[in-house]
Amino acid sequence: GELDASARRAGVTLRTGEYRIDQRSDTGSGPLLRYRLALRTSGDYAQVRAFLGRTLEQLHFVALDDVQFRRGADAAAPLDADVRLSLYLRRP
């Protein structure tokens, strides 16, 4: 999908991904479905930033909830980043 393509263009590896659906209603816009995505990614800091920036810029229905960076004992290894996104879509 579009997230995969955005990650590839930025040089980020999507290691794992999980999602769940939350229902939500917003006044004036009707019922929305909220998909919560939890992604484990790896790459350098600039690559992860580029991935997130491109995703938020191109996919207007996506919100960044949280990002946490981790580096292992080997400073030369890529960063692991846990990314939490919300996708808001209209109910069919």
N, C-alpha and C. Protein backbone atom coordinates (compact mmCIF):
# COMPACT_ATOMS: atom_id res chain seq x y z
N GLY A 1 0.80 -1.18 0.00
CA GLY A 1 0.00 0.00 0.00
C GLY A 1 0.85 1.26 0.00
N GLU A 2 0.19 2.34 0.29
CA GLU A 2 0.86 3.64 0.26
C GLU A 2 1.89 3.80 1.37
N LEU A 3 1.64 3.22 2.53
CA LEU A 3 2.63 3.29 3.62
C LEU A 3 3.90 2.52 3.23
N ASP A 4 3.72 1.36 2.63
CA ASP A 4 4.88 0.58 2.19
C ASP A 4 5.70 1.36 1.17
N ALA A 5 5.03 1.97 0.21
CA ALA A 5 5.72 2.73 -0.83
C ALA A 5 6.45 3.93 -0.23
N SER A 6 5.83 4.60 0.70
CA SER A 6 6.46 5.75 1.36
C SER A 6 7.71 5.31 2.14
N ALA A 7 7.61 4.17 2.82
CA ALA A 7 8.76 3.65 3.57
C ALA A 7 9.90 3.27 2.62
N ARG A 8 9.58 2.61 1.53
CA ARG A 8 10.63 2.22 0.56
C ARG A 8 11.34 3.44 -0.01
N ARG A 9 10.57 4.46 -0.38
CA ARG A 9 11.17 5.68 -0.94
C ARG A 9 12.11 6.35 0.05
N ALA A 10 11.79 6.25 1.34
CA ALA A 10 12.62 6.88 2.37
C ALA A 10 13.77 5.98 2.80
N GLY A 11 13.78 4.71 2.38
CA GLY A 11 14.83 3.79 2.79
C GLY A 11 14.58 3.17 4.15
N VAL A 12 13.34 3.18 4.60
CA VAL A 12 12.96 2.64 5.91
C VAL A 12 12.43 1.23 5.74
N THR A 13 12.81 0.35 6.64
CA THR A 13 12.31 -1.02 6.66
C THR A 13 11.14 -1.10 7.63
N LEU A 14 10.00 -1.59 7.15
CA LEU A 14 8.86 -1.86 8.03
C LEU A 14 9.00 -3.30 8.50
N ARG A 15 9.37 -3.46 9.76
CA ARG A 15 9.62 -4.81 10.29
C ARG A 15 8.34 -5.53 10.66
N THR A 16 7.49 -4.88 11.42
CA THR A 16 6.21 -5.48 11.81
C THR A 16 5.14 -4.39 11.82
N GLY A 17 3.91 -4.82 11.75
CA GLY A 17 2.80 -3.88 11.82
C GLY A 17 1.57 -4.56 12.38
N GLU A 18 0.86 -3.82 13.21
CA GLU A 18 -0.39 -4.31 13.79
C GLU A 18 -1.41 -3.19 13.67
N TYR A 19 -2.66 -3.56 13.51
CA TYR A 19 -3.69 -2.53 13.51
C TYR A 19 -4.94 -3.03 14.20
N ARG A 20 -5.71 -2.08 14.66
CA ARG A 20 -7.02 -2.39 15.22
C ARG A 20 -7.96 -1.25 14.87
N ILE A 21 -9.24 -1.53 14.89
CA ILE A 21 -10.25 -0.55 14.52
C ILE A 21 -10.94 -0.04 15.78
N ASP A 22 -11.04 1.30 15.88
CA ASP A 22 -11.83 1.97 16.92
C ASP A 22 -12.92 2.75 16.21
N GLN A 23 -14.13 2.72 16.75
CA GLN A 23 -15.19 3.54 16.18
C GLN A 23 -15.15 4.90 16.85
N ARG A 24 -15.47 5.92 16.06
CA ARG A 24 -15.45 7.28 16.59
C ARG A 24 -16.45 8.11 15.80
N SER A 25 -17.10 9.04 16.45
CA SER A 25 -18.00 9.97 15.77
C SER A 25 -17.52 11.38 16.02
N ASP A 26 -17.49 12.18 14.97
CA ASP A 26 -17.13 13.59 15.08
C ASP A 26 -18.32 14.42 14.65
N THR A 27 -18.65 15.42 15.42
CA THR A 27 -19.76 16.30 15.09
C THR A 27 -19.50 16.98 13.75
N GLY A 28 -20.48 16.94 12.89
CA GLY A 28 -20.39 17.63 11.61
C GLY A 28 -19.77 16.80 10.50
N SER A 29 -19.00 15.78 10.79
CA SER A 29 -18.38 15.00 9.72
C SER A 29 -18.93 13.59 9.65
N GLY A 30 -19.87 13.25 10.53
CA GLY A 30 -20.45 11.92 10.51
C GLY A 30 -19.54 10.89 11.13
N PRO A 31 -20.01 9.66 11.18
CA PRO A 31 -19.22 8.60 11.82
C PRO A 31 -17.93 8.29 11.05
N LEU A 32 -16.89 8.13 11.80
CA LEU A 32 -15.60 7.77 11.22
C LEU A 32 -15.14 6.45 11.80
N LEU A 33 -14.35 5.74 11.04
CA LEU A 33 -13.62 4.58 11.56
C LEU A 33 -12.20 5.03 11.81
N ARG A 34 -11.68 4.66 12.96
CA ARG A 34 -10.31 4.99 13.32
C ARG A 34 -9.51 3.70 13.36
N TYR A 35 -8.53 3.62 12.49
CA TYR A 35 -7.60 2.49 12.49
C TYR A 35 -6.35 2.94 13.24
N ARG A 36 -5.97 2.20 14.25
CA ARG A 36 -4.73 2.50 14.99
C ARG A 36 -3.66 1.54 14.49
N LEU A 37 -2.59 2.09 13.98
CA LEU A 37 -1.48 1.30 13.46
C LEU A 37 -0.28 1.40 14.39
N ALA A 38 0.35 0.28 14.66
CA ALA A 38 1.59 0.23 15.41
C ALA A 38 2.62 -0.41 14.48
N LEU A 39 3.64 0.35 14.13
CA LEU A 39 4.67 -0.12 13.20
C LEU A 39 6.02 -0.15 13.89
N ARG A 40 6.77 -1.20 13.66
CA ARG A 40 8.17 -1.23 14.08
C ARG A 40 8.99 -1.04 12.81
N THR A 41 9.78 0.01 12.79
CA THR A 41 10.57 0.35 11.62
C THR A 41 12.04 0.39 11.97
N SER A 42 12.88 0.39 10.94
CA SER A 42 14.31 0.61 11.18
C SER A 42 14.88 1.42 10.03
N GLY A 43 15.87 2.20 10.36
CA GLY A 43 16.55 3.08 9.41
C GLY A 43 17.29 4.13 10.21
N ASP A 44 17.97 5.04 9.54
CA ASP A 44 18.60 6.10 10.31
C ASP A 44 17.56 7.19 10.60
N TYR A 45 17.93 8.13 11.46
CA TYR A 45 16.99 9.15 11.92
C TYR A 45 16.39 9.93 10.75
N ALA A 46 17.23 10.34 9.81
CA ALA A 46 16.76 11.13 8.66
C ALA A 46 15.78 10.32 7.81
N GLN A 47 16.03 9.04 7.65
CA GLN A 47 15.13 8.20 6.86
C GLN A 47 13.76 8.07 7.53
N VAL A 48 13.75 7.85 8.84
CA VAL A 48 12.48 7.72 9.56
C VAL A 48 11.72 9.05 9.50
N ARG A 49 12.42 10.16 9.68
CA ARG A 49 11.76 11.48 9.57
C ARG A 49 11.19 11.69 8.19
N ALA A 50 11.93 11.31 7.15
CA ALA A 50 11.45 11.47 5.78
C ALA A 50 10.21 10.61 5.55
N PHE A 51 10.22 9.39 6.05
CA PHE A 51 9.06 8.51 5.92
C PHE A 51 7.83 9.12 6.59
N LEU A 52 7.99 9.59 7.84
CA LEU A 52 6.87 10.17 8.55
C LEU A 52 6.39 11.47 7.89
N GLY A 53 7.33 12.31 7.49
CA GLY A 53 6.95 13.56 6.83
C GLY A 53 6.19 13.33 5.54
N ARG A 54 6.70 12.43 4.73
CA ARG A 54 6.04 12.11 3.45
C ARG A 54 4.66 11.50 3.69
N THR A 55 4.56 10.61 4.65
CA THR A 55 3.29 9.98 4.94
C THR A 55 2.26 11.00 5.39
N LEU A 56 2.63 11.88 6.32
CA LEU A 56 1.69 12.88 6.82
C LEU A 56 1.32 13.91 5.76
N GLU A 57 2.26 14.21 4.89
CA GLU A 57 2.00 15.18 3.83
C GLU A 57 1.07 14.62 2.75
N GLN A 58 1.27 13.37 2.39
CA GLN A 58 0.52 12.79 1.27
C GLN A 58 -0.79 12.13 1.67
N LEU A 59 -0.87 11.64 2.88
CA LEU A 59 -2.07 10.94 3.34
C LEU A 59 -2.76 11.80 4.40
N HIS A 60 -3.66 12.65 3.98
CA HIS A 60 -4.27 13.64 4.87
C HIS A 60 -5.16 13.04 5.94
N PHE A 61 -5.46 11.78 5.83
CA PHE A 61 -6.31 11.11 6.81
C PHE A 61 -5.49 10.39 7.88
N VAL A 62 -4.17 10.62 7.90
CA VAL A 62 -3.27 9.97 8.85
C VAL A 62 -2.79 10.98 9.88
N ALA A 63 -2.77 10.56 11.15
CA ALA A 63 -2.24 11.38 12.24
C ALA A 63 -1.14 10.60 12.96
N LEU A 64 -0.08 11.29 13.33
CA LEU A 64 1.00 10.67 14.10
C LEU A 64 0.64 10.76 15.58
N ASP A 65 0.54 9.62 16.24
CA ASP A 65 0.22 9.58 17.66
C ASP A 65 1.47 9.54 18.53
N ASP A 66 2.49 8.79 18.09
CA ASP A 66 3.67 8.62 18.93
C ASP A 66 4.80 8.03 18.09
N VAL A 67 6.02 8.38 18.45
CA VAL A 67 7.20 7.73 17.87
C VAL A 67 8.26 7.61 18.95
N GLN A 68 8.86 6.46 19.04
CA GLN A 68 9.93 6.22 20.02
C GLN A 68 11.11 5.59 19.30
N PHE A 69 12.28 6.16 19.51
CA PHE A 69 13.51 5.67 18.88
C PHE A 69 14.31 4.87 19.89
N ARG A 70 14.96 3.81 19.38
CA ARG A 70 15.83 2.97 20.20
C ARG A 70 17.05 2.60 19.39
N ARG A 71 18.18 2.60 20.05
CA ARG A 71 19.40 2.13 19.42
C ARG A 71 19.98 1.05 20.32
N GLY A 72 20.43 -0.03 19.69
CA GLY A 72 21.03 -1.13 20.45
C GLY A 72 22.45 -0.78 20.88
N ALA A 73 23.16 -1.78 21.33
CA ALA A 73 24.53 -1.59 21.81
C ALA A 73 25.47 -1.16 20.69
N ASP A 74 25.19 -1.59 19.45
CA ASP A 74 26.04 -1.25 18.31
C ASP A 74 25.58 0.10 17.74
N ALA A 75 26.36 1.14 17.97
CA ALA A 75 25.99 2.49 17.54
C ALA A 75 25.92 2.61 16.02
N ALA A 76 26.55 1.69 15.30
CA ALA A 76 26.53 1.74 13.83
C ALA A 76 25.26 1.09 13.26
N ALA A 77 24.54 0.35 14.08
CA ALA A 77 23.32 -0.33 13.61
C ALA A 77 22.21 0.69 13.38
N PRO A 78 21.28 0.37 12.50
CA PRO A 78 20.14 1.29 12.28
C PRO A 78 19.32 1.47 13.55
N LEU A 79 18.65 2.60 13.64
CA LEU A 79 17.72 2.85 14.74
C LEU A 79 16.47 2.00 14.56
N ASP A 80 15.91 1.56 15.66
CA ASP A 80 14.58 0.99 15.65
C ASP A 80 13.63 2.11 16.07
N ALA A 81 12.54 2.26 15.37
CA ALA A 81 11.55 3.27 15.72
C ALA A 81 10.19 2.61 15.80
N ASP A 82 9.54 2.77 16.94
CA ASP A 82 8.16 2.31 17.11
C ASP A 82 7.26 3.50 16.79
N VAL A 83 6.44 3.34 15.77
CA VAL A 83 5.60 4.42 15.27
C VAL A 83 4.14 4.04 15.49
N ARG A 84 3.38 4.97 16.03
CA ARG A 84 1.93 4.76 16.20
C ARG A 84 1.20 5.83 15.40
N LEU A 85 0.35 5.36 14.50
CA LEU A 85 -0.42 6.23 13.62
C LEU A 85 -1.90 5.94 13.79
N SER A 86 -2.72 6.96 13.51
CA SER A 86 -4.17 6.77 13.41
C SER A 86 -4.59 7.15 12.01
N LEU A 87 -5.43 6.31 11.41
CA LEU A 87 -6.02 6.58 10.10
C LEU A 87 -7.51 6.78 10.31
N TYR A 88 -8.04 7.88 9.80
CA TYR A 88 -9.45 8.21 9.93
C TYR A 88 -10.14 8.05 8.58
N LEU A 89 -11.09 7.15 8.52
CA LEU A 89 -11.81 6.88 7.28
C LEU A 89 -13.31 6.91 7.54
N ARG A 90 -14.04 7.41 6.54
CA ARG A 90 -15.51 7.43 6.66
C ARG A 90 -16.04 5.99 6.62
N ARG A 91 -17.06 5.78 7.42
CA ARG A 91 -17.73 4.48 7.37
C ARG A 91 -18.42 4.34 6.02
N PRO A 92 -18.48 3.13 5.48
CA PRO A 92 -19.18 2.93 4.20
C PRO A 92 -20.67 3.16 4.33
